[in-house]
């Protein structure tokens, strides 16, 4: 506890010395020369860190592959082969490695008789 009191006394004596110098100079404030503050022309401006949440760009999504009409016709034939083997639409789309959406579009475009269940 004594050490804290000693540190406070040192700070207080420094303040008293500054106060005495202020009154000795006539109680006038001093003009601080330019170039010392943060707004000075030569001072380097550091940008403030971002506050709050930043907008994070979503990763660019891949566009689906473009399938030509010949490829669509070949896929429709392979879909009917999968139906003949007794596969459901889901299993056929996984077997052919196509999306279920593409599978539905092929069935609709080529008017295939492929029920949702095998």
PDB file of N, CA and C in Angstrom:
ATOM      1  N   UNK A   1       0.821  -1.185   0.000  1.00  0.00           N
ATOM      2  CA  UNK A   1       0.000   0.000   0.000  1.00  0.00           C
ATOM      3  C   UNK A   1       0.867   1.252   0.000  1.00  0.00           C
ATOM      4  N   UNK A   2       2.028   1.165   0.675  1.00  0.00           N
ATOM      5  CA  UNK A   2       2.922   2.322   0.745  1.00  0.00           C
ATOM      6  C   UNK A   2       3.461   2.690  -0.641  1.00  0.00           C
ATOM      7  N   UNK A   3       3.686   1.682  -1.468  1.00  0.00           N
ATOM      8  CA  UNK A   3       4.216   1.945  -2.803  1.00  0.00           C
ATOM      9  C   UNK A   3       3.193   2.713  -3.643  1.00  0.00           C
ATOM     10  N   UNK A   4       1.924   2.372  -3.514  1.00  0.00           N
ATOM     11  CA  UNK A   4       0.872   3.084  -4.241  1.00  0.00           C
ATOM     12  C   UNK A   4       0.797   4.544  -3.803  1.00  0.00           C
ATOM     13  N   UNK A   5       0.957   4.755  -2.513  1.00  0.00           N
ATOM     14  CA  UNK A   5       0.923   6.128  -1.993  1.00  0.00           C
ATOM     15  C   UNK A   5       2.110   6.921  -2.523  1.00  0.00           C
ATOM     16  N   UNK A   6       3.285   6.277  -2.590  1.00  0.00           N
ATOM     17  CA  UNK A   6       4.477   6.951  -3.100  1.00  0.00           C
ATOM     18  C   UNK A   6       4.322   7.317  -4.580  1.00  0.00           C
ATOM     19  N   UNK A   7       3.753   6.403  -5.378  1.00  0.00           N
ATOM     20  CA  UNK A   7       3.547   6.680  -6.802  1.00  0.00           C
ATOM     21  C   UNK A   7       2.560   7.828  -6.988  1.00  0.00           C
ATOM     22  N   UNK A   8       1.500   7.841  -6.187  1.00  0.00           N
ATOM     23  CA  UNK A   8       0.520   8.925  -6.267  1.00  0.00           C
ATOM     24  C   UNK A   8       1.154  10.251  -5.866  1.00  0.00           C
ATOM     25  N   UNK A   9       2.036  10.215  -4.860  1.00  0.00           N
ATOM     26  CA  UNK A   9       2.710  11.438  -4.414  1.00  0.00           C
ATOM     27  C   UNK A   9       3.635  11.975  -5.513  1.00  0.00           C
ATOM     28  N   UNK A  10       4.319  11.080  -6.247  1.00  0.00           N
ATOM     29  CA  UNK A  10       5.186  11.504  -7.347  1.00  0.00           C
ATOM     30  C   UNK A  10       4.367  12.169  -8.450  1.00  0.00           C
ATOM     31  N   UNK A  11       3.240  11.546  -8.783  1.00  0.00           N
ATOM     32  CA  UNK A  11       2.369  12.132  -9.814  1.00  0.00           C
ATOM     33  C   UNK A  11       1.854  13.493  -9.373  1.00  0.00           C
ATOM     34  N   UNK A  12       1.468  13.574  -8.116  1.00  0.00           N
ATOM     35  CA  UNK A  12       0.937  14.837  -7.586  1.00  0.00           C
ATOM     36  C   UNK A  12       2.007  15.925  -7.596  1.00  0.00           C
ATOM     37  N   UNK A  13       3.245  15.553  -7.261  1.00  0.00           N
ATOM     38  CA  UNK A  13       4.318  16.559  -7.261  1.00  0.00           C
ATOM     39  C   UNK A  13       4.601  17.030  -8.684  1.00  0.00           C
ATOM     40  N   UNK A  14       4.497  16.139  -9.663  1.00  0.00           N
ATOM     41  CA  UNK A  14       4.664  16.530 -11.061  1.00  0.00           C
ATOM     42  C   UNK A  14       3.575  17.490 -11.495  1.00  0.00           C
ATOM     43  N   UNK A  15       2.349  17.219 -11.057  1.00  0.00           N
ATOM     44  CA  UNK A  15       1.237  18.114 -11.380  1.00  0.00           C
ATOM     45  C   UNK A  15       1.415  19.472 -10.713  1.00  0.00           C
ATOM     46  N   UNK A  16       1.885  19.459  -9.476  1.00  0.00           N
ATOM     47  CA  UNK A  16       2.114  20.718  -8.760  1.00  0.00           C
ATOM     48  C   UNK A  16       3.194  21.542  -9.457  1.00  0.00           C
ATOM     49  N   UNK A  17       4.238  20.861  -9.955  1.00  0.00           N
ATOM     50  CA  UNK A  17       5.315  21.574 -10.657  1.00  0.00           C
ATOM     51  C   UNK A  17       4.784  22.185 -11.949  1.00  0.00           C
ATOM     52  N   UNK A  18       3.950  21.452 -12.671  1.00  0.00           N
ATOM     53  CA  UNK A  18       3.369  21.982 -13.908  1.00  0.00           C
ATOM     54  C   UNK A  18       2.450  23.152 -13.609  1.00  0.00           C
ATOM     55  N   UNK A  19       1.708  23.043 -12.519  1.00  0.00           N
ATOM     56  CA  UNK A  19       0.797  24.122 -12.113  1.00  0.00           C
ATOM     57  C   UNK A  19       1.595  25.376 -11.746  1.00  0.00           C
ATOM     58  N   UNK A  20       2.702  25.192 -11.038  1.00  0.00           N
ATOM     59  CA  UNK A  20       3.549  26.327 -10.645  1.00  0.00           C
ATOM     60  C   UNK A  20       4.157  26.988 -11.875  1.00  0.00           C
ATOM     61  N   UNK A  21       4.582  26.183 -12.867  1.00  0.00           N
ATOM     62  CA  UNK A  21       5.154  26.745 -14.091  1.00  0.00           C
ATOM     63  C   UNK A  21       4.097  27.515 -14.866  1.00  0.00           C
ATOM     64  N   UNK A  22       2.866  27.024 -14.852  1.00  0.00           N
ATOM     65  CA  UNK A  22       1.770  27.708 -15.545  1.00  0.00           C
ATOM     66  C   UNK A  22       1.526  29.086 -14.942  1.00  0.00           C
ATOM     67  N   UNK A  23       1.441  29.127 -13.617  1.00  0.00           N
ATOM     68  CA  UNK A  23       1.183  30.409 -12.961  1.00  0.00           C
ATOM     69  C   UNK A  23       2.400  31.333 -13.032  1.00  0.00           C
ATOM     70  N   UNK A  24       3.611  30.761 -13.080  1.00  0.00           N
ATOM     71  CA  UNK A  24       4.824  31.568 -13.189  1.00  0.00           C
ATOM     72  C   UNK A  24       4.873  32.289 -14.540  1.00  0.00           C
ATOM     73  N   UNK A  25       4.330  31.615 -15.586  1.00  0.00           N
ATOM     74  CA  UNK A  25       4.333  32.226 -16.916  1.00  0.00           C
ATOM     75  C   UNK A  25       3.233  33.264 -17.069  1.00  0.00           C
ATOM     76  N   UNK A  26       2.525  33.551 -16.023  1.00  0.00           N
ATOM     77  CA  UNK A  26       1.489  34.569 -16.067  1.00  0.00           C
ATOM     78  C   UNK A  26       0.103  33.989 -16.246  1.00  0.00           C
ATOM     79  N   UNK A  27      -0.026  32.695 -16.172  1.00  0.00           N
ATOM     80  CA  UNK A  27      -1.338  32.062 -16.303  1.00  0.00           C
ATOM     81  C   UNK A  27      -1.860  32.070 -17.732  1.00  0.00           C
ATOM     82  N   UNK A  28      -0.952  32.248 -18.689  1.00  0.00           N
ATOM     83  CA  UNK A  28      -1.354  32.262 -20.096  1.00  0.00           C
ATOM     84  C   UNK A  28      -1.110  30.879 -20.709  1.00  0.00           C
ATOM     85  N   UNK A  29      -2.019  30.506 -21.572  1.00  0.00           N
ATOM     86  CA  UNK A  29      -1.809  29.243 -22.276  1.00  0.00           C
ATOM     87  C   UNK A  29      -0.765  29.454 -23.361  1.00  0.00           C
ATOM     88  N   UNK A  30      -0.035  28.419 -23.681  1.00  0.00           N
ATOM     89  CA  UNK A  30       1.028  28.528 -24.668  1.00  0.00           C
ATOM     90  C   UNK A  30       0.503  28.099 -26.032  1.00  0.00           C
ATOM     91  N   UNK A  31       1.041  28.697 -27.074  1.00  0.00           N
ATOM     92  CA  UNK A  31       0.683  28.337 -28.437  1.00  0.00           C
ATOM     93  C   UNK A  31       1.488  27.102 -28.832  1.00  0.00           C
ATOM     94  N   UNK A  32       0.787  26.083 -29.213  1.00  0.00           N
ATOM     95  CA  UNK A  32       1.458  24.854 -29.637  1.00  0.00           C
ATOM     96  C   UNK A  32       1.739  24.979 -31.131  1.00  0.00           C
ATOM     97  N   UNK A  33       2.986  24.783 -31.541  1.00  0.00           N
ATOM     98  CA  UNK A  33       3.303  24.919 -32.970  1.00  0.00           C
ATOM     99  C   UNK A  33       2.609  23.838 -33.802  1.00  0.00           C
ATOM    100  N   UNK A  34       2.326  24.190 -35.068  1.00  0.00           N
ATOM    101  CA  UNK A  34       1.671  23.222 -35.954  1.00  0.00           C
ATOM    102  C   UNK A  34       2.623  22.080 -36.265  1.00  0.00           C
ATOM    103  N   UNK A  35       2.063  21.000 -36.694  1.00  0.00           N
ATOM    104  CA  UNK A  35       2.872  19.836 -37.028  1.00  0.00           C
ATOM    105  C   UNK A  35       3.003  18.864 -35.893  1.00  0.00           C
ATOM    106  N   UNK A  36       2.315  19.122 -34.794  1.00  0.00           N
ATOM    107  CA  UNK A  36       2.439  18.244 -33.644  1.00  0.00           C
ATOM    108  C   UNK A  36       1.214  17.347 -33.502  1.00  0.00           C
ATOM    109  N   UNK A  37       0.036  17.848 -33.827  1.00  0.00           N
ATOM    110  CA  UNK A  37      -1.195  17.092 -33.624  1.00  0.00           C
ATOM    111  C   UNK A  37      -1.449  16.057 -34.711  1.00  0.00           C
ATOM    112  N   UNK A  38      -2.477  15.279 -34.523  1.00  0.00           N
ATOM    113  CA  UNK A  38      -2.800  14.225 -35.481  1.00  0.00           C
ATOM    114  C   UNK A  38      -3.366  14.780 -36.783  1.00  0.00           C
ATOM    115  N   UNK A  39      -3.893  16.019 -36.756  1.00  0.00           N
ATOM    116  CA  UNK A  39      -4.464  16.620 -37.954  1.00  0.00           C
ATOM    117  C   UNK A  39      -3.450  17.456 -38.719  1.00  0.00           C
ATOM    118  N   UNK A  40      -2.207  17.393 -38.341  1.00  0.00           N
ATOM    119  CA  UNK A  40      -1.165  18.175 -38.996  1.00  0.00           C
ATOM    120  C   UNK A  40      -0.971  17.690 -40.429  1.00  0.00           C
ATOM    121  N   UNK A  41      -0.497  18.573 -41.310  1.00  0.00           N
ATOM    122  CA  UNK A  41      -0.332  18.187 -42.712  1.00  0.00           C
ATOM    123  C   UNK A  41       0.640  17.038 -42.924  1.00  0.00           C
ATOM    124  N   UNK A  42       1.667  16.933 -42.122  1.00  0.00           N
ATOM    125  CA  UNK A  42       2.654  15.880 -42.326  1.00  0.00           C
ATOM    126  C   UNK A  42       2.322  14.576 -41.619  1.00  0.00           C
ATOM    127  N   UNK A  43       1.260  14.565 -40.841  1.00  0.00           N
ATOM    128  CA  UNK A  43       0.940  13.371 -40.065  1.00  0.00           C
ATOM    129  C   UNK A  43       0.346  12.300 -40.972  1.00  0.00           C
ATOM    130  N   UNK A  44       0.711  11.073 -40.699  1.00  0.00           N
ATOM    131  CA  UNK A  44       0.210   9.949 -41.481  1.00  0.00           C
ATOM    132  C   UNK A  44      -1.190   9.576 -40.989  1.00  0.00           C
ATOM    133  N   UNK A  45      -2.122   9.530 -41.905  1.00  0.00           N
ATOM    134  CA  UNK A  45      -3.503   9.199 -41.546  1.00  0.00           C
ATOM    135  C   UNK A  45      -3.672   7.681 -41.547  1.00  0.00           C
ATOM    136  N   UNK A  46      -4.055   7.137 -40.429  1.00  0.00           N
ATOM    137  CA  UNK A  46      -4.280   5.706 -40.295  1.00  0.00           C
ATOM    138  C   UNK A  46      -5.784   5.470 -40.329  1.00  0.00           C
ATOM    139  N   UNK A  47      -6.274   4.618 -41.245  1.00  0.00           N
ATOM    140  CA  UNK A  47      -7.718   4.395 -41.297  1.00  0.00           C
ATOM    141  C   UNK A  47      -8.207   3.677 -40.045  1.00  0.00           C
ATOM    142  N   UNK A  48      -9.425   3.994 -39.652  1.00  0.00           N
ATOM    143  CA  UNK A  48     -10.009   3.358 -38.476  1.00  0.00           C
ATOM    144  C   UNK A  48     -10.361   1.912 -38.805  1.00  0.00           C
ATOM    145  N   UNK A  49     -10.261   1.040 -37.817  1.00  0.00           N
ATOM    146  CA  UNK A  49     -10.649  -0.345 -38.081  1.00  0.00           C
ATOM    147  C   UNK A  49     -12.156  -0.439 -38.311  1.00  0.00           C
ATOM    148  N   UNK A  50     -12.542  -1.459 -39.057  1.00  0.00           N
ATOM    149  CA  UNK A  50     -13.957  -1.647 -39.373  1.00  0.00           C
ATOM    150  C   UNK A  50     -14.731  -1.931 -38.094  1.00  0.00           C
ATOM    151  N   UNK A  51     -15.916  -1.362 -38.008  1.00  0.00           N
ATOM    152  CA  UNK A  51     -16.759  -1.551 -36.834  1.00  0.00           C
ATOM    153  C   UNK A  51     -17.974  -2.370 -37.235  1.00  0.00           C
ATOM    154  N   UNK A  52     -18.302  -3.341 -36.449  1.00  0.00           N
ATOM    155  CA  UNK A  52     -19.504  -4.135 -36.719  1.00  0.00           C
ATOM    156  C   UNK A  52     -19.226  -5.233 -37.737  1.00  0.00           C
ATOM    157  N   UNK A  53     -20.277  -5.640 -38.408  1.00  0.00           N
ATOM    158  CA  UNK A  53     -20.177  -6.730 -39.373  1.00  0.00           C
ATOM    159  C   UNK A  53     -19.822  -6.184 -40.744  1.00  0.00           C
ATOM    160  N   UNK A  54     -18.943  -6.862 -41.403  1.00  0.00           N
ATOM    161  CA  UNK A  54     -18.619  -6.500 -42.778  1.00  0.00           C
ATOM    162  C   UNK A  54     -19.448  -7.379 -43.695  1.00  0.00           C
ATOM    163  N   UNK A  55     -19.743  -6.858 -44.843  1.00  0.00           N
ATOM    164  CA  UNK A  55     -20.471  -7.680 -45.802  1.00  0.00           C
ATOM    165  C   UNK A  55     -19.478  -8.627 -46.446  1.00  0.00           C
ATOM    166  N   UNK A  56     -19.785  -9.873 -46.383  1.00  0.00           N
ATOM    167  CA  UNK A  56     -18.911 -10.890 -46.938  1.00  0.00           C
ATOM    168  C   UNK A  56     -19.526 -11.358 -48.247  1.00  0.00           C
ATOM    169  N   UNK A  57     -18.740 -11.297 -49.299  1.00  0.00           N
ATOM    170  CA  UNK A  57     -19.255 -11.715 -50.588  1.00  0.00           C
ATOM    171  C   UNK A  57     -19.419 -13.227 -50.602  1.00  0.00           C
ATOM    172  N   UNK A  58     -20.524 -13.647 -51.169  1.00  0.00           N
ATOM    173  CA  UNK A  58     -20.776 -15.079 -51.291  1.00  0.00           C
ATOM    174  C   UNK A  58     -19.812 -15.653 -52.328  1.00  0.00           C
ATOM    175  N   UNK A  59     -19.386 -16.897 -52.125  1.00  0.00           N
ATOM    176  CA  UNK A  59     -18.502 -17.489 -53.126  1.00  0.00           C
ATOM    177  C   UNK A  59     -19.228 -17.604 -54.460  1.00  0.00           C
ATOM    178  N   UNK A  60     -18.478 -17.407 -55.504  1.00  0.00           N
ATOM    179  CA  UNK A  60     -19.074 -17.469 -56.829  1.00  0.00           C
ATOM    180  C   UNK A  60     -19.547 -18.893 -57.091  1.00  0.00           C
ATOM    181  N   UNK A  61     -20.799 -18.998 -57.469  1.00  0.00           N
ATOM    182  CA  UNK A  61     -21.341 -20.328 -57.728  1.00  0.00           C
ATOM    183  C   UNK A  61     -21.052 -20.714 -59.173  1.00  0.00           C
ATOM    184  N   UNK A  62     -20.830 -21.983 -59.369  1.00  0.00           N
ATOM    185  CA  UNK A  62     -20.588 -22.468 -60.714  1.00  0.00           C
ATOM    186  C   UNK A  62     -21.915 -22.513 -61.459  1.00  0.00           C
ATOM    187  N   UNK A  63     -21.849 -22.157 -62.677  1.00  0.00           N
ATOM    188  CA  UNK A  63     -23.042 -22.280 -63.492  1.00  0.00           C
ATOM    189  C   UNK A  63     -23.148 -23.714 -63.936  1.00  0.00           C
ATOM    190  N   UNK A  64     -24.347 -24.183 -64.088  1.00  0.00           N
ATOM    191  CA  UNK A  64     -24.523 -25.557 -64.541  1.00  0.00           C
ATOM    192  C   UNK A  64     -23.927 -25.755 -65.918  1.00  0.00           C
ATOM    193  N   UNK A  65     -23.545 -26.966 -66.181  1.00  0.00           N
ATOM    194  CA  UNK A  65     -22.961 -27.231 -67.494  1.00  0.00           C
ATOM    195  C   UNK A  65     -24.029 -27.077 -68.564  1.00  0.00           C
ATOM    196  N   UNK A  66     -23.621 -26.656 -69.718  1.00  0.00           N
ATOM    197  CA  UNK A  66     -24.546 -26.475 -70.831  1.00  0.00           C
ATOM    198  C   UNK A  66     -24.591 -27.780 -71.608  1.00  0.00           C
ATOM    199  N   UNK A  67     -25.793 -28.293 -71.780  1.00  0.00           N
ATOM    200  CA  UNK A  67     -25.977 -29.592 -72.423  1.00  0.00           C
ATOM    201  C   UNK A  67     -26.627 -29.367 -73.780  1.00  0.00           C
ATOM    202  N   UNK A  68     -26.018 -29.941 -74.798  1.00  0.00           N
ATOM    203  CA  UNK A  68     -26.557 -29.786 -76.156  1.00  0.00           C
ATOM    204  C   UNK A  68     -27.777 -30.691 -76.336  1.00  0.00           C
ATOM    205  N   UNK A  69     -28.484 -30.481 -77.452  1.00  0.00           N
ATOM    206  CA  UNK A  69     -29.685 -31.282 -77.725  1.00  0.00           C
ATOM    207  C   UNK A  69     -29.338 -32.754 -77.926  1.00  0.00           C
ATOM    208  N   UNK A  70     -28.178 -33.028 -78.544  1.00  0.00           N
ATOM    209  CA  UNK A  70     -27.776 -34.428 -78.761  1.00  0.00           C
ATOM    210  C   UNK A  70     -27.516 -35.122 -77.423  1.00  0.00           C
ATOM    211  N   UNK A  71     -26.867 -34.382 -76.518  1.00  0.00           N
ATOM    212  CA  UNK A  71     -26.603 -34.958 -75.193  1.00  0.00           C
ATOM    213  C   UNK A  71     -27.902 -35.191 -74.430  1.00  0.00           C
ATOM    214  N   UNK A  72     -28.854 -34.261 -74.580  1.00  0.00           N
ATOM    215  CA  UNK A  72     -30.148 -34.442 -73.912  1.00  0.00           C
ATOM    216  C   UNK A  72     -30.861 -35.675 -74.442  1.00  0.00           C
ATOM    217  N   UNK A  73     -30.804 -35.877 -75.756  1.00  0.00           N
ATOM    218  CA  UNK A  73     -31.455 -37.055 -76.350  1.00  0.00           C
ATOM    219  C   UNK A  73     -30.788 -38.337 -75.854  1.00  0.00           C
ATOM    220  N   UNK A  74     -29.451 -38.325 -75.764  1.00  0.00           N
ATOM    221  CA  UNK A  74     -28.735 -39.508 -75.276  1.00  0.00           C
ATOM    222  C   UNK A  74     -29.079 -39.770 -73.811  1.00  0.00           C
ATOM    223  N   UNK A  75     -29.202 -38.709 -73.024  1.00  0.00           N
ATOM    224  CA  UNK A  75     -29.570 -38.888 -71.616  1.00  0.00           C
ATOM    225  C   UNK A  75     -30.991 -39.425 -71.487  1.00  0.00           C
ATOM    226  N   UNK A  76     -31.884 -38.984 -72.364  1.00  0.00           N
ATOM    227  CA  UNK A  76     -33.264 -39.483 -72.322  1.00  0.00           C
ATOM    228  C   UNK A  76     -33.297 -40.977 -72.617  1.00  0.00           C
ATOM    229  N   UNK A  77     -32.484 -41.419 -73.573  1.00  0.00           N
ATOM    230  CA  UNK A  77     -32.413 -42.855 -73.888  1.00  0.00           C
ATOM    231  C   UNK A  77     -31.869 -43.618 -72.688  1.00  0.00           C
ATOM    232  N   UNK A  78     -30.835 -43.090 -72.073  1.00  0.00           N
ATOM    233  CA  UNK A  78     -30.258 -43.766 -70.906  1.00  0.00           C
ATOM    234  C   UNK A  78     -31.231 -43.772 -69.731  1.00  0.00           C
ATOM    235  N   UNK A  79     -32.059 -42.714 -69.608  1.00  0.00           N
ATOM    236  CA  UNK A  79     -33.083 -42.690 -68.555  1.00  0.00           C
ATOM    237  C   UNK A  79     -34.076 -43.827 -68.748  1.00  0.00           C
ATOM    238  N   UNK A  80     -34.488 -44.043 -69.987  1.00  0.00           N
ATOM    239  CA  UNK A  80     -35.447 -45.123 -70.254  1.00  0.00           C
ATOM    240  C   UNK A  80     -34.815 -46.495 -69.999  1.00  0.00           C
ATOM    241  N   UNK A  81     -33.504 -46.612 -70.247  1.00  0.00           N
ATOM    242  CA  UNK A  81     -32.809 -47.861 -69.917  1.00  0.00           C
ATOM    243  C   UNK A  81     -32.821 -48.091 -68.406  1.00  0.00           C
ATOM    244  N   UNK A  82     -32.621 -47.009 -67.646  1.00  0.00           N
ATOM    245  CA  UNK A  82     -32.657 -47.119 -66.184  1.00  0.00           C
ATOM    246  C   UNK A  82     -34.056 -47.511 -65.719  1.00  0.00           C
ATOM    247  N   UNK A  83     -35.087 -46.994 -66.400  1.00  0.00           N
ATOM    248  CA  UNK A  83     -36.462 -47.350 -66.039  1.00  0.00           C
ATOM    249  C   UNK A  83     -36.694 -48.832 -66.303  1.00  0.00           C
ATOM    250  N   UNK A  84     -36.138 -49.337 -67.427  1.00  0.00           N
ATOM    251  CA  UNK A  84     -36.293 -50.754 -67.765  1.00  0.00           C
ATOM    252  C   UNK A  84     -35.617 -51.639 -66.720  1.00  0.00           C
ATOM    253  N   UNK A  85     -34.561 -51.139 -66.102  1.00  0.00           N
ATOM    254  CA  UNK A  85     -33.881 -51.901 -65.055  1.00  0.00           C
ATOM    255  C   UNK A  85     -34.614 -51.821 -63.726  1.00  0.00           C
ATOM    256  N   UNK A  86     -35.649 -50.962 -63.637  1.00  0.00           N
ATOM    257  CA  UNK A  86     -36.449 -50.877 -62.418  1.00  0.00           C
ATOM    258  C   UNK A  86     -35.990 -49.814 -61.431  1.00  0.00           C
ATOM    259  N   UNK A  87     -35.222 -48.852 -61.900  1.00  0.00           N
ATOM    260  CA  UNK A  87     -34.745 -47.788 -61.011  1.00  0.00           C
ATOM    261  C   UNK A  87     -35.796 -46.695 -60.872  1.00  0.00           C
ATOM    262  N   UNK A  88     -35.776 -46.045 -59.725  1.00  0.00           N
ATOM    263  CA  UNK A  88     -36.636 -44.872 -59.529  1.00  0.00           C
ATOM    264  C   UNK A  88     -35.968 -43.664 -60.189  1.00  0.00           C
ATOM    265  N   UNK A  89     -36.706 -42.552 -60.257  1.00  0.00           N
ATOM    266  CA  UNK A  89     -36.133 -41.335 -60.844  1.00  0.00           C
ATOM    267  C   UNK A  89     -34.879 -40.906 -60.085  1.00  0.00           C
ATOM    268  N   UNK A  90     -34.968 -40.968 -58.763  1.00  0.00           N
ATOM    269  CA  UNK A  90     -33.844 -40.550 -57.931  1.00  0.00           C
ATOM    270  C   UNK A  90     -32.617 -41.425 -58.198  1.00  0.00           C
ATOM    271  N   UNK A  91     -32.806 -42.739 -58.206  1.00  0.00           N
ATOM    272  CA  UNK A  91     -31.679 -43.644 -58.442  1.00  0.00           C
ATOM    273  C   UNK A  91     -31.122 -43.471 -59.851  1.00  0.00           C
ATOM    274  N   UNK A  92     -32.016 -43.247 -60.809  1.00  0.00           N
ATOM    275  CA  UNK A  92     -31.562 -43.061 -62.190  1.00  0.00           C
ATOM    276  C   UNK A  92     -30.734 -41.782 -62.320  1.00  0.00           C
ATOM    277  N   UNK A  93     -31.187 -40.715 -61.673  1.00  0.00           N
ATOM    278  CA  UNK A  93     -30.426 -39.462 -61.762  1.00  0.00           C
ATOM    279  C   UNK A  93     -29.068 -39.599 -61.084  1.00  0.00           C
ATOM    280  N   UNK A  94     -29.003 -40.331 -59.988  1.00  0.00           N
ATOM    281  CA  UNK A  94     -27.714 -40.546 -59.321  1.00  0.00           C
ATOM    282  C   UNK A  94     -26.825 -41.461 -60.161  1.00  0.00           C
ATOM    283  N   UNK A  95     -27.419 -42.461 -60.803  1.00  0.00           N
ATOM    284  CA  UNK A  95     -26.669 -43.393 -61.641  1.00  0.00           C
ATOM    285  C   UNK A  95     -26.075 -42.675 -62.859  1.00  0.00           C
ATOM    286  N   UNK A  96     -26.854 -41.773 -63.453  1.00  0.00           N
ATOM    287  CA  UNK A  96     -26.396 -41.031 -64.630  1.00  0.00           C
ATOM    288  C   UNK A  96     -25.575 -39.797 -64.254  1.00  0.00           C
ATOM    289  N   UNK A  97     -25.487 -39.524 -62.956  1.00  0.00           N
ATOM    290  CA  UNK A  97     -24.752 -38.370 -62.430  1.00  0.00           C
ATOM    291  C   UNK A  97     -25.281 -37.057 -62.994  1.00  0.00           C
ATOM    292  N   UNK A  98     -26.613 -36.928 -62.960  1.00  0.00           N
ATOM    293  CA  UNK A  98     -27.272 -35.685 -63.348  1.00  0.00           C
ATOM    294  C   UNK A  98     -28.145 -35.247 -62.180  1.00  0.00           C
ATOM    295  N   UNK A  99     -28.561 -34.001 -62.204  1.00  0.00           N
ATOM    296  CA  UNK A  99     -29.404 -33.507 -61.118  1.00  0.00           C
ATOM    297  C   UNK A  99     -30.831 -34.004 -61.302  1.00  0.00           C
ATOM    298  N   UNK A 100     -31.573 -34.003 -60.213  1.00  0.00           N
ATOM    299  CA  UNK A 100     -32.976 -34.415 -60.298  1.00  0.00           C
ATOM    300  C   UNK A 100     -33.783 -33.415 -61.116  1.00  0.00           C
ATOM    301  N   UNK A 101     -33.390 -32.156 -61.077  1.00  0.00           N
ATOM    302  CA  UNK A 101     -34.076 -31.134 -61.870  1.00  0.00           C
ATOM    303  C   UNK A 101     -33.898 -31.417 -63.354  1.00  0.00           C
ATOM    304  N   UNK A 102     -32.677 -31.739 -63.765  1.00  0.00           N
ATOM    305  CA  UNK A 102     -32.434 -32.071 -65.166  1.00  0.00           C
ATOM    306  C   UNK A 102     -33.207 -33.326 -65.544  1.00  0.00           C
ATOM    307  N   UNK A 103     -33.268 -34.276 -64.643  1.00  0.00           N
ATOM    308  CA  UNK A 103     -34.030 -35.504 -64.897  1.00  0.00           C
ATOM    309  C   UNK A 103     -35.499 -35.169 -65.144  1.00  0.00           C
ATOM    310  N   UNK A 104     -36.094 -34.328 -64.309  1.00  0.00           N
ATOM    311  CA  UNK A 104     -37.499 -33.937 -64.496  1.00  0.00           C
ATOM    312  C   UNK A 104     -37.693 -33.190 -65.805  1.00  0.00           C
ATOM    313  N   UNK A 105     -36.741 -32.315 -66.147  1.00  0.00           N
ATOM    314  CA  UNK A 105     -36.854 -31.559 -67.398  1.00  0.00           C
ATOM    315  C   UNK A 105     -36.767 -32.480 -68.611  1.00  0.00           C
ATOM    316  N   UNK A 106     -35.886 -33.468 -68.558  1.00  0.00           N
ATOM    317  CA  UNK A 106     -35.775 -34.416 -69.669  1.00  0.00           C
ATOM    318  C   UNK A 106     -37.063 -35.213 -69.829  1.00  0.00           C
ATOM    319  N   UNK A 107     -37.645 -35.637 -68.718  1.00  0.00           N
ATOM    320  CA  UNK A 107     -38.895 -36.402 -68.766  1.00  0.00           C
ATOM    321  C   UNK A 107     -40.008 -35.545 -69.356  1.00  0.00           C
ATOM    322  N   UNK A 108     -40.053 -34.270 -68.972  1.00  0.00           N
ATOM    323  CA  UNK A 108     -41.095 -33.379 -69.497  1.00  0.00           C
ATOM    324  C   UNK A 108     -40.846 -33.037 -70.964  1.00  0.00           C
ATOM    325  N   UNK A 109     -39.597 -32.757 -71.348  1.00  0.00           N
ATOM    326  CA  UNK A 109     -39.290 -32.349 -72.724  1.00  0.00           C
ATOM    327  C   UNK A 109     -39.497 -33.483 -73.723  1.00  0.00           C
ATOM    328  N   UNK A 110     -39.117 -34.693 -73.341  1.00  0.00           N
ATOM    329  CA  UNK A 110     -39.214 -35.824 -74.261  1.00  0.00           C
ATOM    330  C   UNK A 110     -40.480 -36.646 -74.033  1.00  0.00           C
ATOM    331  N   UNK A 111     -41.368 -36.177 -73.151  1.00  0.00           N
ATOM    332  CA  UNK A 111     -42.643 -36.844 -72.846  1.00  0.00           C
ATOM    333  C   UNK A 111     -42.422 -38.321 -72.512  1.00  0.00           C
ATOM    334  N   UNK A 112     -41.473 -38.565 -71.632  1.00  0.00           N
ATOM    335  CA  UNK A 112     -41.160 -39.936 -71.224  1.00  0.00           C
ATOM    336  C   UNK A 112     -42.159 -40.399 -70.174  1.00  0.00           C
ATOM    337  N   UNK A 113     -42.461 -41.680 -70.206  1.00  0.00           N
ATOM    338  CA  UNK A 113     -43.344 -42.264 -69.196  1.00  0.00           C
ATOM    339  C   UNK A 113     -42.450 -42.818 -68.093  1.00  0.00           C
ATOM    340  N   UNK A 114     -42.139 -41.967 -67.143  1.00  0.00           N
ATOM    341  CA  UNK A 114     -41.240 -42.361 -66.057  1.00  0.00           C
ATOM    342  C   UNK A 114     -41.868 -41.892 -64.762  1.00  0.00           C
ATOM    343  N   UNK A 115     -42.559 -42.768 -64.052  1.00  0.00           N
ATOM    344  CA  UNK A 115     -43.191 -42.347 -62.799  1.00  0.00           C
ATOM    345  C   UNK A 115     -42.135 -42.007 -61.743  1.00  0.00           C
ATOM    346  N   UNK A 116     -42.585 -41.305 -60.712  1.00  0.00           N
ATOM    347  CA  UNK A 116     -41.673 -40.869 -59.653  1.00  0.00           C
ATOM    348  C   UNK A 116     -41.084 -42.052 -58.904  1.00  0.00           C
ATOM    349  N   UNK A 117     -41.837 -43.143 -58.782  1.00  0.00           N
ATOM    350  CA  UNK A 117     -41.329 -44.343 -58.107  1.00  0.00           C
ATOM    351  C   UNK A 117     -41.193 -45.458 -59.122  1.00  0.00           C
ATOM    352  N   UNK A 118     -40.234 -46.368 -58.875  1.00  0.00           N
ATOM    353  CA  UNK A 118     -39.941 -47.446 -59.818  1.00  0.00           C
ATOM    354  C   UNK A 118     -40.998 -48.460 -59.791  1.00  0.00           C
TER     355      UNK A 118
END
